Amino acid sequence: MLDLAWPAVSPQAIESFFSLTLGFGVAGLCATGYGVFADQPPSFRLLEVGPAAARFASIPLLMFAAPFIIMRNTLRGRRIEGRRAEFVMVATVIAGLWSLMSGTVVVMALQALLNS
C-alpha cells in the first residue's frame, strides 16, 4: 500500500509563503491606491520627475509597490513587445524576491504593533 501522506512543512516555510503573499498584496494595494489618487499608475519614473521633495517622498511608495510595477511592466512587455519567456521568468523571480523582502518588513511591523 502506498503512503500518500503530505510531507511536513516547516513553520519557516509557512512564514516565508505568508510574507511573499502579503508582500504582493501590499504592493497591489499601494499601486492601486496611488492610481486612484493620482489618476495614473505608479512608475519608477516618479524618481525622475517633479520637485526634489516629491521624488524623495515617492521612495517609500516605490519600495512597497515595486513587485506590482515590475510584474505589470513585464506582462505588458511580453504581450505588446513579445519579450522572451526567459526575461519574464527572471523578472518574476526578482519581483518575488522583492515581495518576500517587503512582506517580511510588513510582517515584522505587524508583529511589533501586536506585541506593544
Protein backbone atom coordinates (compact mmCIF):
# COMPACT_ATOMS: atom_id res chain seq x y z
CA MET A 1 0.00 0.00 0.00
CA LEU A 2 1.28 3.46 -0.94
CA ASP A 3 1.65 6.07 1.76
CA LEU A 4 0.26 9.29 0.28
CA ALA A 5 0.79 11.47 3.34
CA TRP A 6 1.87 15.05 2.72
CA PRO A 7 5.39 15.89 3.85
CA ALA A 8 5.65 18.14 6.86
CA VAL A 9 6.04 21.83 6.13
CA SER A 10 8.30 23.81 8.41
CA PRO A 11 6.99 26.91 10.19
CA GLN A 12 9.69 28.96 8.45
CA ALA A 13 8.39 27.90 5.04
CA ILE A 14 4.85 28.86 6.02
CA GLU A 15 6.04 32.24 7.30
CA SER A 16 8.01 32.82 4.09
CA PHE A 17 4.97 31.97 1.96
CA PHE A 18 2.84 34.28 4.10
CA SER A 19 5.41 37.08 3.70
CA LEU A 20 5.53 36.52 -0.07
CA THR A 21 1.76 36.72 -0.49
CA LEU A 22 1.44 39.64 1.91
CA GLY A 23 4.21 41.45 0.01
CA PHE A 24 2.37 41.06 -3.30
CA GLY A 25 -0.89 42.10 -1.64
CA VAL A 26 0.61 45.24 -0.14
CA ALA A 27 2.28 46.03 -3.47
CA GLY A 28 -1.05 45.81 -5.26
CA LEU A 29 -2.75 47.87 -2.56
CA CYS A 30 -0.09 50.62 -2.72
CA ALA A 31 -0.08 50.73 -6.52
CA THR A 32 -3.86 50.76 -6.80
CA GLY A 33 -4.22 53.37 -4.05
CA TYR A 34 -1.71 55.61 -5.79
CA GLY A 35 -3.52 55.12 -9.09
CA VAL A 36 -6.84 56.13 -7.54
CA PHE A 37 -5.49 59.34 -6.06
CA ALA A 38 -3.08 60.34 -8.84
CA ASP A 39 -5.22 59.23 -11.82
CA GLN A 40 -2.18 57.48 -13.29
CA PRO A 41 -0.44 54.22 -12.48
CA PRO A 42 2.74 54.39 -10.42
CA SER A 43 6.03 54.11 -12.25
CA PHE A 44 9.71 54.14 -11.47
CA ARG A 45 9.76 57.46 -13.35
CA LEU A 46 8.43 59.07 -10.18
CA LEU A 47 12.08 59.22 -9.12
CA GLU A 48 12.91 61.41 -12.14
CA VAL A 49 10.10 63.99 -12.36
CA GLY A 50 8.82 66.71 -10.11
CA PRO A 51 10.42 68.66 -7.31
CA ALA A 52 13.08 67.03 -5.14
CA ALA A 53 10.70 66.68 -2.19
CA ALA A 54 8.17 64.76 -4.31
CA ARG A 55 10.88 62.48 -5.66
CA PHE A 56 12.12 61.79 -2.14
CA ALA A 57 8.56 61.16 -0.91
CA SER A 58 7.96 58.61 -3.68
CA ILE A 59 10.69 56.27 -2.39
CA PRO A 60 8.56 54.54 0.30
CA LEU A 61 5.71 54.07 -2.18
CA LEU A 62 8.04 52.55 -4.76
CA MET A 63 9.71 50.33 -2.17
CA PHE A 64 6.42 48.59 -1.42
CA ALA A 65 4.73 48.88 -4.84
CA ALA A 66 7.77 47.67 -6.82
CA PRO A 67 6.72 43.98 -7.18
CA PHE A 68 3.41 45.07 -8.70
CA ILE A 69 5.12 47.58 -11.02
CA ILE A 70 7.74 45.03 -12.12
CA MET A 71 5.12 42.38 -12.91
CA ARG A 72 2.81 44.88 -14.66
CA ASN A 73 5.64 46.14 -16.87
CA THR A 74 6.88 42.61 -17.55
CA LEU A 75 3.50 41.23 -18.57
CA ARG A 76 2.75 44.28 -20.72
CA GLY A 77 6.17 43.95 -22.36
CA ARG A 78 5.53 40.27 -23.06
CA ARG A 79 2.15 40.99 -24.62
CA ILE A 80 2.96 44.19 -26.52
CA GLU A 81 6.64 43.77 -27.44
CA GLY A 82 6.78 39.98 -27.46
CA ARG A 83 9.63 39.74 -24.96
CA ARG A 84 11.18 36.34 -24.49
CA ALA A 85 9.91 33.98 -21.80
CA GLU A 86 13.32 33.91 -20.12
CA PHE A 87 13.10 37.64 -19.46
CA VAL A 88 9.64 37.19 -17.97
CA MET A 89 10.95 34.39 -15.74
CA VAL A 90 13.86 36.48 -14.44
CA ALA A 91 11.60 39.47 -13.80
CA THR A 92 9.14 37.23 -11.95
CA VAL A 93 11.92 35.92 -9.70
CA ILE A 94 13.10 39.48 -8.99
CA ALA A 95 9.55 40.62 -8.20
CA GLY A 96 9.04 37.57 -5.98
CA LEU A 97 12.21 38.17 -4.01
CA TRP A 98 11.35 41.85 -3.65
CA SER A 99 7.87 40.88 -2.50
CA LEU A 100 9.33 38.44 0.01
CA MET A 101 11.55 41.17 1.47
CA SER A 102 8.83 43.82 1.65
CA GLY A 103 6.35 41.27 3.01
CA THR A 104 8.84 40.37 5.73
CA VAL A 105 9.03 44.06 6.68
CA VAL A 106 5.23 44.22 6.85
CA VAL A 107 5.04 41.04 8.97
CA MET A 108 7.70 42.40 11.35
CA ALA A 109 5.84 45.71 11.64
CA LEU A 110 2.57 43.90 12.36
CA GLN A 111 4.27 41.75 15.00
CA ALA A 112 5.75 44.86 16.63
CA LEU A 113 2.32 46.51 16.66
CA LEU A 114 0.66 43.46 18.21
CA ASN A 115 3.38 42.96 20.83
CA SER A 116 3.39 46.55 22.05
